[in-house]
Amino acid sequence: MDQQEIFMAAYLDRDIKITFLDNLFVIGLYVHYYYFNNVIAICPEEAHDDTRLLVPMTAIKKIEPWYASGDYELED
């Protein structure tokens, strides 16, 4: 079997922000890319260790690095 290049290898195991076509977004750790169905697997920020979110490439508007500064939470 041919070895496939990792999609966005520089982002692997780092936090990313994915913005969807409707401008909603999710922040999480980029853990894998599945070539057979063209989806990105991320572990969302507020998820448990075994939770994965599969995001189809056709639903993505923008992917960018996310630098968690710790002060982005909403205040009461």
PDB file of N, CA and C in Angstrom:
ATOM      1  N   MET A   1       0.838  -1.182   0.000  1.00  0.00           N
ATOM      2  CA  MET A   1       0.000   0.000   0.000  1.00  0.00           C
ATOM      3  C   MET A   1       0.879   1.240   0.000  1.00  0.00           C
ATOM      4  N   ASP A   2       0.526   2.221  -0.801  1.00  0.00           N
ATOM      5  CA  ASP A   2       1.282   3.465  -0.866  1.00  0.00           C
ATOM      6  C   ASP A   2       1.132   4.247   0.431  1.00  0.00           C
ATOM      7  N   GLN A   3       2.219   4.861   0.834  1.00  0.00           N
ATOM      8  CA  GLN A   3       2.168   5.697   2.014  1.00  0.00           C
ATOM      9  C   GLN A   3       1.680   7.087   1.600  1.00  0.00           C
ATOM     10  N   GLN A   4       0.668   7.605   2.295  1.00  0.00           N
ATOM     11  CA  GLN A   4       0.094   8.887   1.938  1.00  0.00           C
ATOM     12  C   GLN A   4       0.676   9.993   2.805  1.00  0.00           C
ATOM     13  N   GLU A   5       0.827  11.146   2.210  1.00  0.00           N
ATOM     14  CA  GLU A   5       1.331  12.307   2.922  1.00  0.00           C
ATOM     15  C   GLU A   5       0.279  12.776   3.930  1.00  0.00           C
ATOM     16  N   ILE A   6       0.716  13.204   5.084  1.00  0.00           N
ATOM     17  CA  ILE A   6      -0.201  13.686   6.117  1.00  0.00           C
ATOM     18  C   ILE A   6      -0.711  15.066   5.723  1.00  0.00           C
ATOM     19  N   PHE A   7      -2.018  15.230   5.743  1.00  0.00           N
ATOM     20  CA  PHE A   7      -2.643  16.518   5.436  1.00  0.00           C
ATOM     21  C   PHE A   7      -2.298  17.514   6.532  1.00  0.00           C
ATOM     22  N   MET A   8      -1.758  18.647   6.159  1.00  0.00           N
ATOM     23  CA  MET A   8      -1.379  19.706   7.095  1.00  0.00           C
ATOM     24  C   MET A   8      -0.500  19.159   8.230  1.00  0.00           C
ATOM     25  N   ALA A   9       0.586  18.560   7.875  1.00  0.00           N
ATOM     26  CA  ALA A   9       1.462  17.904   8.855  1.00  0.00           C
ATOM     27  C   ALA A   9       1.943  18.863   9.948  1.00  0.00           C
ATOM     28  N   ALA A  10       2.125  20.119   9.643  1.00  0.00           N
ATOM     29  CA  ALA A  10       2.588  21.090  10.641  1.00  0.00           C
ATOM     30  C   ALA A  10       1.544  21.332  11.738  1.00  0.00           C
ATOM     31  N   TYR A  11       0.282  21.056  11.458  1.00  0.00           N
ATOM     32  CA  TYR A  11      -0.785  21.272  12.431  1.00  0.00           C
ATOM     33  C   TYR A  11      -1.057  20.042  13.292  1.00  0.00           C
ATOM     34  N   LEU A  12      -0.528  18.888  12.923  1.00  0.00           N
ATOM     35  CA  LEU A  12      -0.801  17.641  13.629  1.00  0.00           C
ATOM     36  C   LEU A  12      -0.402  17.741  15.097  1.00  0.00           C
ATOM     37  N   ASP A  13      -1.282  17.296  15.985  1.00  0.00           N
ATOM     38  CA  ASP A  13      -1.094  17.337  17.446  1.00  0.00           C
ATOM     39  C   ASP A  13      -0.974  18.756  17.985  1.00  0.00           C
ATOM     40  N   ARG A  14      -1.631  19.684  17.322  1.00  0.00           N
ATOM     41  CA  ARG A  14      -1.685  21.080  17.785  1.00  0.00           C
ATOM     42  C   ARG A  14      -3.128  21.544  17.762  1.00  0.00           C
ATOM     43  N   ASP A  15      -3.408  22.582  18.532  1.00  0.00           N
ATOM     44  CA  ASP A  15      -4.754  23.142  18.549  1.00  0.00           C
ATOM     45  C   ASP A  15      -5.021  23.912  17.267  1.00  0.00           C
ATOM     46  N   ILE A  16      -6.215  23.675  16.702  1.00  0.00           N
ATOM     47  CA  ILE A  16      -6.633  24.396  15.498  1.00  0.00           C
ATOM     48  C   ILE A  16      -8.053  24.896  15.682  1.00  0.00           C
ATOM     49  N   LYS A  17      -8.401  25.891  14.915  1.00  0.00           N
ATOM     50  CA  LYS A  17      -9.761  26.414  14.873  1.00  0.00           C
ATOM     51  C   LYS A  17     -10.292  26.138  13.476  1.00  0.00           C
ATOM     52  N   ILE A  18     -11.412  25.434  13.396  1.00  0.00           N
ATOM     53  CA  ILE A  18     -12.046  25.150  12.117  1.00  0.00           C
ATOM     54  C   ILE A  18     -13.318  25.979  12.033  1.00  0.00           C
ATOM     55  N   THR A  19     -13.404  26.810  11.006  1.00  0.00           N
ATOM     56  CA  THR A  19     -14.603  27.603  10.765  1.00  0.00           C
ATOM     57  C   THR A  19     -15.395  26.928   9.657  1.00  0.00           C
ATOM     58  N   PHE A  20     -16.672  26.686   9.930  1.00  0.00           N
ATOM     59  CA  PHE A  20     -17.535  26.025   8.964  1.00  0.00           C
ATOM     60  C   PHE A  20     -18.111  27.037   7.978  1.00  0.00           C
ATOM     61  N   LEU A  21     -18.763  26.550   6.943  1.00  0.00           N
ATOM     62  CA  LEU A  21     -19.334  27.409   5.910  1.00  0.00           C
ATOM     63  C   LEU A  21     -20.374  28.384   6.461  1.00  0.00           C
ATOM     64  N   ASP A  22     -21.058  28.026   7.533  1.00  0.00           N
ATOM     65  CA  ASP A  22     -22.062  28.914   8.133  1.00  0.00           C
ATOM     66  C   ASP A  22     -21.472  29.803   9.235  1.00  0.00           C
ATOM     67  N   ASN A  23     -20.142  29.874   9.309  1.00  0.00           N
ATOM     68  CA  ASN A  23     -19.370  30.714  10.237  1.00  0.00           C
ATOM     69  C   ASN A  23     -19.393  30.252  11.690  1.00  0.00           C
ATOM     70  N   LEU A  24     -19.966  29.094  11.991  1.00  0.00           N
ATOM     71  CA  LEU A  24     -19.784  28.489  13.306  1.00  0.00           C
ATOM     72  C   LEU A  24     -18.383  27.898  13.335  1.00  0.00           C
ATOM     73  N   PHE A  25     -17.836  27.694  14.523  1.00  0.00           N
ATOM     74  CA  PHE A  25     -16.477  27.160  14.583  1.00  0.00           C
ATOM     75  C   PHE A  25     -16.323  26.179  15.727  1.00  0.00           C
ATOM     76  N   VAL A  26     -15.274  25.391  15.653  1.00  0.00           N
ATOM     77  CA  VAL A  26     -14.904  24.462  16.705  1.00  0.00           C
ATOM     78  C   VAL A  26     -13.401  24.571  16.909  1.00  0.00           C
ATOM     79  N   ILE A  27     -12.975  24.439  18.161  1.00  0.00           N
ATOM     80  CA  ILE A  27     -11.556  24.493  18.510  1.00  0.00           C
ATOM     81  C   ILE A  27     -11.188  23.145  19.117  1.00  0.00           C
ATOM     82  N   GLY A  28     -10.075  22.605  18.678  1.00  0.00           N
ATOM     83  CA  GLY A  28      -9.656  21.325  19.224  1.00  0.00           C
ATOM     84  C   GLY A  28      -8.281  20.913  18.753  1.00  0.00           C
ATOM     85  N   LEU A  29      -7.858  19.751  19.207  1.00  0.00           N
ATOM     86  CA  LEU A  29      -6.551  19.197  18.882  1.00  0.00           C
ATOM     87  C   LEU A  29      -6.673  18.352  17.618  1.00  0.00           C
ATOM     88  N   TYR A  30      -5.901  18.683  16.592  1.00  0.00           N
ATOM     89  CA  TYR A  30      -5.917  17.948  15.326  1.00  0.00           C
ATOM     90  C   TYR A  30      -5.195  16.628  15.532  1.00  0.00           C
ATOM     91  N   VAL A  31      -5.922  15.516  15.411  1.00  0.00           N
ATOM     92  CA  VAL A  31      -5.321  14.220  15.710  1.00  0.00           C
ATOM     93  C   VAL A  31      -5.119  13.315  14.504  1.00  0.00           C
ATOM     94  N   HIS A  32      -5.922  13.464  13.438  1.00  0.00           N
ATOM     95  CA  HIS A  32      -5.778  12.555  12.301  1.00  0.00           C
ATOM     96  C   HIS A  32      -6.548  13.083  11.097  1.00  0.00           C
ATOM     97  N   TYR A  33      -6.169  12.588   9.914  1.00  0.00           N
ATOM     98  CA  TYR A  33      -6.899  12.857   8.680  1.00  0.00           C
ATOM     99  C   TYR A  33      -7.193  11.522   8.024  1.00  0.00           C
ATOM    100  N   TYR A  34      -8.449  11.267   7.696  1.00  0.00           N
ATOM    101  CA  TYR A  34      -8.857  10.003   7.075  1.00  0.00           C
ATOM    102  C   TYR A  34      -9.050  10.211   5.572  1.00  0.00           C
ATOM    103  N   TYR A  35      -8.171   9.634   4.787  1.00  0.00           N
ATOM    104  CA  TYR A  35      -8.221   9.793   3.331  1.00  0.00           C
ATOM    105  C   TYR A  35      -9.420   9.101   2.703  1.00  0.00           C
ATOM    106  N   PHE A  36      -9.851   7.972   3.276  1.00  0.00           N
ATOM    107  CA  PHE A  36     -10.901   7.188   2.628  1.00  0.00           C
ATOM    108  C   PHE A  36     -12.243   7.907   2.576  1.00  0.00           C
ATOM    109  N   ASN A  37     -12.505   8.833   3.501  1.00  0.00           N
ATOM    110  CA  ASN A  37     -13.750   9.600   3.428  1.00  0.00           C
ATOM    111  C   ASN A  37     -13.536  11.108   3.540  1.00  0.00           C
ATOM    112  N   ASN A  38     -12.287  11.552   3.421  1.00  0.00           N
ATOM    113  CA  ASN A  38     -11.945  12.961   3.331  1.00  0.00           C
ATOM    114  C   ASN A  38     -12.444  13.789   4.526  1.00  0.00           C
ATOM    115  N   VAL A  39     -12.107  13.346   5.739  1.00  0.00           N
ATOM    116  CA  VAL A  39     -12.493  14.063   6.952  1.00  0.00           C
ATOM    117  C   VAL A  39     -11.273  14.293   7.848  1.00  0.00           C
ATOM    118  N   ILE A  40     -11.353  15.344   8.628  1.00  0.00           N
ATOM    119  CA  ILE A  40     -10.348  15.652   9.646  1.00  0.00           C
ATOM    120  C   ILE A  40     -10.912  15.192  10.985  1.00  0.00           C
ATOM    121  N   ALA A  41     -10.091  14.545  11.791  1.00  0.00           N
ATOM    122  CA  ALA A  41     -10.502  14.141  13.136  1.00  0.00           C
ATOM    123  C   ALA A  41      -9.834  15.069  14.136  1.00  0.00           C
ATOM    124  N   ILE A  42     -10.650  15.673  14.990  1.00  0.00           N
ATOM    125  CA  ILE A  42     -10.101  16.518  16.055  1.00  0.00           C
ATOM    126  C   ILE A  42     -10.700  16.083  17.382  1.00  0.00           C
ATOM    127  N   CYS A  43      -9.986  16.392  18.440  1.00  0.00           N
ATOM    128  CA  CYS A  43     -10.467  16.173  19.793  1.00  0.00           C
ATOM    129  C   CYS A  43     -10.884  17.546  20.314  1.00  0.00           C
ATOM    130  N   PRO A  44     -12.194  17.798  20.428  1.00  0.00           N
ATOM    131  CA  PRO A  44     -12.660  19.125  20.851  1.00  0.00           C
ATOM    132  C   PRO A  44     -12.101  19.535  22.210  1.00  0.00           C
ATOM    133  N   GLU A  45     -12.001  20.823  22.406  1.00  0.00           N
ATOM    134  CA  GLU A  45     -11.394  21.405  23.597  1.00  0.00           C
ATOM    135  C   GLU A  45     -12.040  20.928  24.898  1.00  0.00           C
ATOM    136  N   GLU A  46     -13.352  20.832  24.941  1.00  0.00           N
ATOM    137  CA  GLU A  46     -14.068  20.461  26.160  1.00  0.00           C
ATOM    138  C   GLU A  46     -14.417  18.978  26.212  1.00  0.00           C
ATOM    139  N   ALA A  47     -13.797  18.150  25.395  1.00  0.00           N
ATOM    140  CA  ALA A  47     -14.169  16.731  25.298  1.00  0.00           C
ATOM    141  C   ALA A  47     -13.328  15.865  26.226  1.00  0.00           C
ATOM    142  N   HIS A  48     -13.788  14.633  26.382  1.00  0.00           N
ATOM    143  CA  HIS A  48     -13.022  13.627  27.111  1.00  0.00           C
ATOM    144  C   HIS A  48     -11.927  13.102  26.188  1.00  0.00           C
ATOM    145  N   ASP A  49     -10.993  12.347  26.738  1.00  0.00           N
ATOM    146  CA  ASP A  49      -9.838  11.861  25.979  1.00  0.00           C
ATOM    147  C   ASP A  49     -10.199  10.990  24.788  1.00  0.00           C
ATOM    148  N   ASP A  50     -11.294  10.249  24.865  1.00  0.00           N
ATOM    149  CA  ASP A  50     -11.644   9.329  23.787  1.00  0.00           C
ATOM    150  C   ASP A  50     -12.660   9.898  22.796  1.00  0.00           C
ATOM    151  N   THR A  51     -13.004  11.165  22.909  1.00  0.00           N
ATOM    152  CA  THR A  51     -13.976  11.789  22.018  1.00  0.00           C
ATOM    153  C   THR A  51     -13.280  12.331  20.786  1.00  0.00           C
ATOM    154  N   ARG A  52     -13.838  12.015  19.618  1.00  0.00           N
ATOM    155  CA  ARG A  52     -13.316  12.525  18.355  1.00  0.00           C
ATOM    156  C   ARG A  52     -14.454  13.159  17.575  1.00  0.00           C
ATOM    157  N   LEU A  53     -14.190  14.262  16.935  1.00  0.00           N
ATOM    158  CA  LEU A  53     -15.151  14.916  16.062  1.00  0.00           C
ATOM    159  C   LEU A  53     -14.618  14.776  14.645  1.00  0.00           C
ATOM    160  N   LEU A  54     -15.410  14.180  13.766  1.00  0.00           N
ATOM    161  CA  LEU A  54     -15.015  14.017  12.372  1.00  0.00           C
ATOM    162  C   LEU A  54     -15.633  15.144  11.558  1.00  0.00           C
ATOM    163  N   VAL A  55     -14.786  15.946  10.932  1.00  0.00           N
ATOM    164  CA  VAL A  55     -15.236  17.117  10.185  1.00  0.00           C
ATOM    165  C   VAL A  55     -14.977  16.884   8.698  1.00  0.00           C
ATOM    166  N   PRO A  56     -16.035  16.837   7.877  1.00  0.00           N
ATOM    167  CA  PRO A  56     -15.821  16.652   6.433  1.00  0.00           C
ATOM    168  C   PRO A  56     -15.188  17.886   5.805  1.00  0.00           C
ATOM    169  N   MET A  57     -14.258  17.676   4.908  1.00  0.00           N
ATOM    170  CA  MET A  57     -13.560  18.788   4.260  1.00  0.00           C
ATOM    171  C   MET A  57     -14.520  19.698   3.486  1.00  0.00           C
ATOM    172  N   THR A  58     -15.623  19.159   2.995  1.00  0.00           N
ATOM    173  CA  THR A  58     -16.576  19.954   2.225  1.00  0.00           C
ATOM    174  C   THR A  58     -17.339  20.949   3.095  1.00  0.00           C
ATOM    175  N   ALA A  59     -17.305  20.788   4.418  1.00  0.00           N
ATOM    176  CA  ALA A  59     -18.015  21.687   5.329  1.00  0.00           C
ATOM    177  C   ALA A  59     -17.122  22.781   5.894  1.00  0.00           C
ATOM    178  N   ILE A  60     -15.847  22.776   5.528  1.00  0.00           N
ATOM    179  CA  ILE A  60     -14.878  23.700   6.124  1.00  0.00           C
ATOM    180  C   ILE A  60     -14.674  24.937   5.246  1.00  0.00           C
ATOM    181  N   LYS A  61     -14.745  26.079   5.908  1.00  0.00           N
ATOM    182  CA  LYS A  61     -14.457  27.350   5.242  1.00  0.00           C
ATOM    183  C   LYS A  61     -13.000  27.741   5.456  1.00  0.00           C
ATOM    184  N   LYS A  62     -12.512  27.567   6.697  1.00  0.00           N
ATOM    185  CA  LYS A  62     -11.149  27.993   7.019  1.00  0.00           C
ATOM    186  C   LYS A  62     -10.588  27.147   8.156  1.00  0.00           C
ATOM    187  N   ILE A  63      -9.286  26.844   8.076  1.00  0.00           N
ATOM    188  CA  ILE A  63      -8.562  26.163   9.148  1.00  0.00           C
ATOM    189  C   ILE A  63      -7.391  27.052   9.528  1.00  0.00           C
ATOM    190  N   GLU A  64      -7.239  27.282  10.823  1.00  0.00           N
ATOM    191  CA  GLU A  64      -6.152  28.151  11.277  1.00  0.00           C
ATOM    192  C   GLU A  64      -5.617  27.651  12.613  1.00  0.00           C
ATOM    193  N   PRO A  65      -4.390  28.004  12.939  1.00  0.00           N
ATOM    194  CA  PRO A  65      -3.849  27.607  14.255  1.00  0.00           C
ATOM    195  C   PRO A  65      -4.593  28.332  15.364  1.00  0.00           C
ATOM    196  N   TRP A  66      -4.634  27.718  16.525  1.00  0.00           N
ATOM    197  CA  TRP A  66      -5.294  28.331  17.678  1.00  0.00           C
ATOM    198  C   TRP A  66      -4.302  28.381  18.811  1.00  0.00           C
ATOM    199  N   TYR A  67      -4.064  29.565  19.304  1.00  0.00           N
ATOM    200  CA  TYR A  67      -3.134  29.760  20.407  1.00  0.00           C
ATOM    201  C   TYR A  67      -3.946  30.088  21.644  1.00  0.00           C
ATOM    202  N   ALA A  68      -4.136  29.110  22.493  1.00  0.00           N
ATOM    203  CA  ALA A  68      -4.946  29.297  23.697  1.00  0.00           C
ATOM    204  C   ALA A  68      -4.182  30.143  24.700  1.00  0.00           C
ATOM    205  N   SER A  69      -4.664  31.331  24.925  1.00  0.00           N
ATOM    206  CA  SER A  69      -4.016  32.220  25.879  1.00  0.00           C
ATOM    207  C   SER A  69      -4.615  32.082  27.270  1.00  0.00           C
ATOM    208  N   GLY A  70      -5.757  31.394  27.355  1.00  0.00           N
ATOM    209  CA  GLY A  70      -6.365  31.197  28.653  1.00  0.00           C
ATOM    210  C   GLY A  70      -7.332  32.282  29.045  1.00  0.00           C
ATOM    211  N   ASP A  71      -7.373  33.398  28.307  1.00  0.00           N
ATOM    212  CA  ASP A  71      -8.245  34.501  28.694  1.00  0.00           C
ATOM    213  C   ASP A  71      -9.352  34.742  27.666  1.00  0.00           C
ATOM    214  N   TYR A  72      -9.735  33.721  26.942  1.00  0.00           N
ATOM    215  CA  TYR A  72     -10.765  33.881  25.925  1.00  0.00           C
ATOM    216  C   TYR A  72     -12.147  33.460  26.398  1.00  0.00           C
ATOM    217  N   GLU A  73     -12.266  33.017  27.649  1.00  0.00           N
ATOM    218  CA  GLU A  73     -13.569  32.601  28.156  1.00  0.00           C
ATOM    219  C   GLU A  73     -14.422  33.818  28.488  1.00  0.00           C
ATOM    220  N   LEU A  74     -15.714  33.659  28.355  1.00  0.00           N
ATOM    221  CA  LEU A  74     -16.639  34.748  28.629  1.00  0.00           C
ATOM    222  C   LEU A  74     -16.706  35.006  30.138  1.00  0.00           C
ATOM    223  N   GLU A  75     -16.824  36.248  30.479  1.00  0.00           N
ATOM    224  CA  GLU A  75     -16.960  36.610  31.893  1.00  0.00           C
ATOM    225  C   GLU A  75     -18.420  36.713  32.251  1.00  0.00           C
ATOM    226  N   ASP A  76     -18.749  36.511  33.544  1.00  0.00           N
ATOM    227  CA  ASP A  76     -20.140  36.608  34.009  1.00  0.00           C
ATOM    228  C   ASP A  76     -20.590  38.037  34.107  1.00  0.00           C
TER     229      ASP A  76
END
